[in-house]
Amino acid sequence: MSDQTADLARIKESARSISKIHKEFTQSANPADGLGVSVLGEKGLVDVFDDFGDNWRVHRQRLADELEKLSKILTTASKAYEDIDHQLAEALRGTDSKKPGTGGGPK
């Protein structure tokens, strides 16, 4: 058996942080949208920003999907760790109450 510990607070905080990043990815538009020649100064640069925007939309959605999955995995993991910890604590309490001299078992 290996000695492993889980920092539940850190796992939960990571899930919340990744969820916030996911929200930003899905709500924020391409920062280059709406920039024309009057702002960028050259049609070639406008085209580059437009190409970037098209690529960014595709990649942003992929990243957002992966962030959502990771957030759900971390949330599920923290819940599972808490459930296991609770079950182990209950099992230990049950064992203690059956020990002689603890008031729960034969003397």
N, C-alpha and C. Protein backbone atom coordinates (compact mmCIF):
# COMPACT_ATOMS: atom_id res chain seq x y z
N MET A 1 0.85 -1.17 0.00
CA MET A 1 0.00 0.00 0.00
C MET A 1 0.90 1.24 0.00
N SER A 2 0.50 2.24 -0.75
CA SER A 2 1.32 3.45 -0.83
C SER A 2 0.74 4.53 0.08
N ASP A 3 1.62 5.40 0.52
CA ASP A 3 1.20 6.56 1.30
C ASP A 3 0.86 7.69 0.34
N GLN A 4 -0.42 8.00 0.22
CA GLN A 4 -0.85 9.08 -0.66
C GLN A 4 -1.78 9.98 0.12
N THR A 5 -1.62 11.25 -0.10
CA THR A 5 -2.52 12.21 0.52
C THR A 5 -3.10 13.10 -0.57
N ALA A 6 -4.24 13.63 -0.32
CA ALA A 6 -4.88 14.54 -1.27
C ALA A 6 -5.18 15.85 -0.54
N ASP A 7 -4.76 16.95 -1.12
CA ASP A 7 -5.05 18.25 -0.56
C ASP A 7 -6.41 18.70 -1.12
N LEU A 8 -7.47 18.38 -0.38
CA LEU A 8 -8.82 18.64 -0.86
C LEU A 8 -9.07 20.12 -1.14
N ALA A 9 -8.53 20.96 -0.30
CA ALA A 9 -8.73 22.40 -0.51
C ALA A 9 -8.10 22.83 -1.83
N ARG A 10 -6.93 22.30 -2.12
CA ARG A 10 -6.26 22.66 -3.37
C ARG A 10 -7.00 22.08 -4.57
N ILE A 11 -7.49 20.86 -4.46
CA ILE A 11 -8.24 20.25 -5.56
C ILE A 11 -9.51 21.06 -5.84
N LYS A 12 -10.22 21.45 -4.77
CA LYS A 12 -11.44 22.24 -4.94
C LYS A 12 -11.13 23.61 -5.55
N GLU A 13 -10.08 24.25 -5.06
CA GLU A 13 -9.70 25.57 -5.59
C GLU A 13 -9.29 25.46 -7.05
N SER A 14 -8.58 24.39 -7.41
CA SER A 14 -8.20 24.18 -8.81
C SER A 14 -9.44 24.02 -9.68
N ALA A 15 -10.41 23.27 -9.20
CA ALA A 15 -11.66 23.09 -9.96
C ALA A 15 -12.35 24.43 -10.16
N ARG A 16 -12.43 25.25 -9.11
CA ARG A 16 -13.07 26.57 -9.22
C ARG A 16 -12.29 27.48 -10.19
N SER A 17 -10.97 27.48 -10.07
CA SER A 17 -10.15 28.33 -10.93
C SER A 17 -10.28 27.93 -12.39
N ILE A 18 -10.24 26.64 -12.66
CA ILE A 18 -10.37 26.17 -14.03
C ILE A 18 -11.76 26.48 -14.57
N SER A 19 -12.76 26.40 -13.72
CA SER A 19 -14.12 26.75 -14.13
C SER A 19 -14.19 28.23 -14.51
N LYS A 20 -13.51 29.09 -13.76
CA LYS A 20 -13.49 30.53 -14.07
C LYS A 20 -12.77 30.77 -15.40
N ILE A 21 -11.67 30.07 -15.64
CA ILE A 21 -10.94 30.21 -16.90
C ILE A 21 -11.83 29.75 -18.05
N HIS A 22 -12.55 28.64 -17.84
CA HIS A 22 -13.47 28.15 -18.87
C HIS A 22 -14.50 29.22 -19.20
N LYS A 23 -15.03 29.86 -18.17
CA LYS A 23 -16.05 30.90 -18.38
C LYS A 23 -15.47 32.05 -19.21
N GLU A 24 -14.24 32.45 -18.90
CA GLU A 24 -13.60 33.52 -19.67
C GLU A 24 -13.40 33.11 -21.12
N PHE A 25 -12.97 31.87 -21.33
CA PHE A 25 -12.74 31.39 -22.69
C PHE A 25 -14.04 31.38 -23.50
N THR A 26 -15.14 31.04 -22.87
CA THR A 26 -16.39 30.93 -23.62
C THR A 26 -17.12 32.26 -23.75
N GLN A 27 -16.82 33.22 -22.89
CA GLN A 27 -17.52 34.50 -22.94
C GLN A 27 -16.74 35.59 -23.66
N SER A 28 -15.43 35.48 -23.69
CA SER A 28 -14.61 36.54 -24.28
C SER A 28 -14.52 36.36 -25.79
N ALA A 29 -14.68 37.43 -26.48
CA ALA A 29 -14.56 37.40 -27.93
C ALA A 29 -13.09 37.56 -28.34
N ASN A 30 -12.85 37.42 -29.60
CA ASN A 30 -11.51 37.64 -30.14
C ASN A 30 -11.14 39.11 -29.94
N PRO A 31 -10.01 39.37 -29.31
CA PRO A 31 -9.64 40.77 -29.05
C PRO A 31 -9.40 41.57 -30.33
N ALA A 32 -9.22 40.90 -31.46
CA ALA A 32 -8.97 41.61 -32.72
C ALA A 32 -10.25 41.92 -33.49
N ASP A 33 -11.38 41.42 -33.03
CA ASP A 33 -12.64 41.69 -33.74
C ASP A 33 -12.90 43.19 -33.83
N GLY A 34 -13.29 43.61 -35.00
CA GLY A 34 -13.67 45.00 -35.19
C GLY A 34 -12.52 45.94 -35.49
N LEU A 35 -11.30 45.43 -35.48
CA LEU A 35 -10.16 46.30 -35.78
C LEU A 35 -9.98 46.37 -37.28
N GLY A 36 -10.05 47.55 -37.81
CA GLY A 36 -9.92 47.74 -39.25
C GLY A 36 -8.66 48.51 -39.60
N VAL A 37 -8.59 48.94 -40.85
CA VAL A 37 -7.43 49.68 -41.35
C VAL A 37 -7.24 50.97 -40.56
N SER A 38 -8.34 51.58 -40.14
CA SER A 38 -8.24 52.84 -39.40
C SER A 38 -7.49 52.66 -38.07
N VAL A 39 -7.58 51.46 -37.49
CA VAL A 39 -6.90 51.19 -36.22
C VAL A 39 -5.53 50.57 -36.47
N LEU A 40 -5.48 49.57 -37.36
CA LEU A 40 -4.25 48.82 -37.58
C LEU A 40 -3.34 49.43 -38.63
N GLY A 41 -3.90 50.26 -39.50
CA GLY A 41 -3.07 51.01 -40.44
C GLY A 41 -2.78 50.33 -41.76
N GLU A 42 -3.04 49.05 -41.88
CA GLU A 42 -2.72 48.36 -43.14
C GLU A 42 -3.66 47.18 -43.34
N LYS A 43 -4.10 46.99 -44.58
CA LYS A 43 -5.03 45.91 -44.91
C LYS A 43 -4.39 44.55 -44.64
N GLY A 44 -3.12 44.38 -44.91
CA GLY A 44 -2.43 43.10 -44.67
C GLY A 44 -2.48 42.72 -43.20
N LEU A 45 -2.31 43.70 -42.35
CA LEU A 45 -2.37 43.45 -40.90
C LEU A 45 -3.79 43.10 -40.47
N VAL A 46 -4.78 43.73 -41.07
CA VAL A 46 -6.18 43.41 -40.79
C VAL A 46 -6.44 41.95 -41.16
N ASP A 47 -5.93 41.53 -42.32
CA ASP A 47 -6.10 40.14 -42.77
C ASP A 47 -5.45 39.16 -41.81
N VAL A 48 -4.27 39.49 -41.32
CA VAL A 48 -3.58 38.63 -40.36
C VAL A 48 -4.40 38.50 -39.08
N PHE A 49 -4.92 39.61 -38.60
CA PHE A 49 -5.75 39.57 -37.39
C PHE A 49 -7.05 38.79 -37.63
N ASP A 50 -7.62 38.91 -38.83
CA ASP A 50 -8.83 38.14 -39.15
C ASP A 50 -8.52 36.64 -39.15
N ASP A 51 -7.39 36.27 -39.76
CA ASP A 51 -6.98 34.85 -39.76
C ASP A 51 -6.76 34.35 -38.34
N PHE A 52 -6.09 35.18 -37.55
CA PHE A 52 -5.87 34.82 -36.15
C PHE A 52 -7.21 34.60 -35.45
N GLY A 53 -8.15 35.50 -35.69
CA GLY A 53 -9.46 35.39 -35.06
C GLY A 53 -10.18 34.11 -35.42
N ASP A 54 -10.11 33.73 -36.69
CA ASP A 54 -10.74 32.47 -37.11
C ASP A 54 -10.09 31.27 -36.41
N ASN A 55 -8.77 31.25 -36.38
CA ASN A 55 -8.04 30.17 -35.69
C ASN A 55 -8.33 30.19 -34.20
N TRP A 56 -8.35 31.38 -33.64
CA TRP A 56 -8.58 31.52 -32.20
C TRP A 56 -9.93 30.95 -31.80
N ARG A 57 -10.97 31.21 -32.59
CA ARG A 57 -12.31 30.69 -32.27
C ARG A 57 -12.29 29.17 -32.20
N VAL A 58 -11.64 28.54 -33.18
CA VAL A 58 -11.58 27.08 -33.21
C VAL A 58 -10.79 26.55 -32.01
N HIS A 59 -9.61 27.09 -31.79
CA HIS A 59 -8.75 26.61 -30.71
C HIS A 59 -9.30 26.98 -29.34
N ARG A 60 -9.92 28.14 -29.25
CA ARG A 60 -10.52 28.56 -27.98
C ARG A 60 -11.61 27.58 -27.57
N GLN A 61 -12.43 27.14 -28.52
CA GLN A 61 -13.49 26.19 -28.19
C GLN A 61 -12.91 24.86 -27.74
N ARG A 62 -11.87 24.41 -28.41
CA ARG A 62 -11.22 23.15 -27.99
C ARG A 62 -10.66 23.28 -26.58
N LEU A 63 -9.99 24.39 -26.33
CA LEU A 63 -9.44 24.62 -24.99
C LEU A 63 -10.55 24.71 -23.95
N ALA A 64 -11.61 25.39 -24.29
CA ALA A 64 -12.74 25.52 -23.36
C ALA A 64 -13.33 24.15 -23.04
N ASP A 65 -13.46 23.30 -24.05
CA ASP A 65 -13.99 21.95 -23.82
C ASP A 65 -13.08 21.16 -22.87
N GLU A 66 -11.78 21.26 -23.08
CA GLU A 66 -10.83 20.54 -22.22
C GLU A 66 -10.83 21.10 -20.80
N LEU A 67 -10.95 22.42 -20.68
CA LEU A 67 -11.01 23.04 -19.35
C LEU A 67 -12.26 22.59 -18.60
N GLU A 68 -13.36 22.51 -19.31
CA GLU A 68 -14.61 22.06 -18.68
C GLU A 68 -14.48 20.61 -18.19
N LYS A 69 -13.89 19.77 -19.01
CA LYS A 69 -13.68 18.37 -18.61
C LYS A 69 -12.80 18.28 -17.37
N LEU A 70 -11.70 19.04 -17.37
CA LEU A 70 -10.77 19.00 -16.24
C LEU A 70 -11.43 19.51 -14.96
N SER A 71 -12.22 20.56 -15.06
CA SER A 71 -12.93 21.07 -13.90
C SER A 71 -13.87 20.02 -13.33
N LYS A 72 -14.59 19.32 -14.21
CA LYS A 72 -15.51 18.26 -13.76
C LYS A 72 -14.75 17.10 -13.11
N ILE A 73 -13.61 16.74 -13.68
CA ILE A 73 -12.80 15.66 -13.11
C ILE A 73 -12.33 16.04 -11.71
N LEU A 74 -11.84 17.27 -11.54
CA LEU A 74 -11.37 17.71 -10.23
C LEU A 74 -12.51 17.79 -9.21
N THR A 75 -13.65 18.25 -9.64
CA THR A 75 -14.81 18.32 -8.74
C THR A 75 -15.22 16.92 -8.31
N THR A 76 -15.27 16.00 -9.26
CA THR A 76 -15.63 14.61 -8.96
C THR A 76 -14.59 13.98 -8.03
N ALA A 77 -13.32 14.25 -8.28
CA ALA A 77 -12.25 13.69 -7.44
C ALA A 77 -12.36 14.20 -6.01
N SER A 78 -12.59 15.50 -5.84
CA SER A 78 -12.67 16.03 -4.47
C SER A 78 -13.88 15.43 -3.74
N LYS A 79 -14.99 15.27 -4.45
CA LYS A 79 -16.17 14.65 -3.84
C LYS A 79 -15.87 13.21 -3.45
N ALA A 80 -15.20 12.48 -4.34
CA ALA A 80 -14.87 11.08 -4.04
C ALA A 80 -13.93 10.98 -2.84
N TYR A 81 -12.92 11.85 -2.77
CA TYR A 81 -12.01 11.85 -1.62
C TYR A 81 -12.77 12.14 -0.33
N GLU A 82 -13.68 13.11 -0.38
CA GLU A 82 -14.45 13.43 0.81
C GLU A 82 -15.34 12.26 1.23
N ASP A 83 -15.97 11.62 0.27
CA ASP A 83 -16.83 10.47 0.57
C ASP A 83 -16.02 9.33 1.19
N ILE A 84 -14.87 9.04 0.61
CA ILE A 84 -14.02 7.97 1.14
C ILE A 84 -13.55 8.31 2.55
N ASP A 85 -13.14 9.56 2.75
CA ASP A 85 -12.68 10.00 4.07
C ASP A 85 -13.80 9.85 5.10
N HIS A 86 -15.01 10.23 4.71
CA HIS A 86 -16.15 10.12 5.61
C HIS A 86 -16.44 8.65 5.94
N GLN A 87 -16.42 7.79 4.93
CA GLN A 87 -16.67 6.37 5.14
C GLN A 87 -15.60 5.74 6.04
N LEU A 88 -14.35 6.12 5.83
CA LEU A 88 -13.28 5.59 6.68
C LEU A 88 -13.44 6.07 8.12
N ALA A 89 -13.79 7.32 8.28
CA ALA A 89 -13.99 7.85 9.63
C ALA A 89 -15.13 7.12 10.33
N GLU A 90 -16.22 6.89 9.60
CA GLU A 90 -17.36 6.16 10.18
C GLU A 90 -16.95 4.72 10.54
N ALA A 91 -16.17 4.08 9.69
CA ALA A 91 -15.72 2.71 9.96
C ALA A 91 -14.83 2.68 11.21
N LEU A 92 -13.96 3.67 11.32
CA LEU A 92 -13.08 3.73 12.51
C LEU A 92 -13.89 4.00 13.77
N ARG A 93 -14.88 4.87 13.69
CA ARG A 93 -15.73 5.13 14.85
C ARG A 93 -16.46 3.85 15.27
N GLY A 94 -16.92 3.09 14.28
CA GLY A 94 -17.60 1.83 14.56
C GLY A 94 -16.67 0.82 15.20
N THR A 95 -15.46 0.77 14.76
CA THR A 95 -14.46 -0.15 15.35
C THR A 95 -14.15 0.26 16.77
N ASP A 96 -13.98 1.56 17.01
CA ASP A 96 -13.67 2.05 18.35
C ASP A 96 -14.80 1.75 19.33
N SER A 97 -16.04 1.86 18.87
CA SER A 97 -17.17 1.66 19.78
C SER A 97 -17.32 0.19 20.18
N LYS A 98 -16.71 -0.72 19.44
CA LYS A 98 -16.81 -2.14 19.75
C LYS A 98 -15.66 -2.64 20.61
N LYS A 99 -14.66 -1.80 20.84
CA LYS A 99 -13.51 -2.21 21.65
C LYS A 99 -13.91 -2.31 23.12
N PRO A 100 -13.38 -3.31 23.82
CA PRO A 100 -13.64 -3.41 25.25
C PRO A 100 -13.18 -2.15 25.97
N GLY A 101 -13.96 -1.73 26.92
CA GLY A 101 -13.59 -0.57 27.73
C GLY A 101 -13.97 0.76 27.10
N THR A 102 -14.59 0.76 25.93
CA THR A 102 -14.98 2.01 25.29
C THR A 102 -16.49 2.25 25.43
N GLY A 103 -17.16 1.33 26.08
CA GLY A 103 -18.58 1.49 26.31
C GLY A 103 -19.43 0.89 25.21
N GLY A 104 -18.83 0.38 24.16
CA GLY A 104 -19.63 -0.13 23.06
C GLY A 104 -19.58 -1.63 22.89
N GLY A 105 -18.63 -2.28 23.48
CA GLY A 105 -18.50 -3.70 23.23
C GLY A 105 -18.45 -4.49 24.53
N PRO A 106 -18.24 -5.81 24.41
CA PRO A 106 -18.17 -6.63 25.62
C PRO A 106 -16.95 -6.27 26.46
N LYS A 107 -17.09 -6.46 27.75
CA LYS A 107 -16.00 -6.09 28.67
C LYS A 107 -15.29 -7.29 29.18
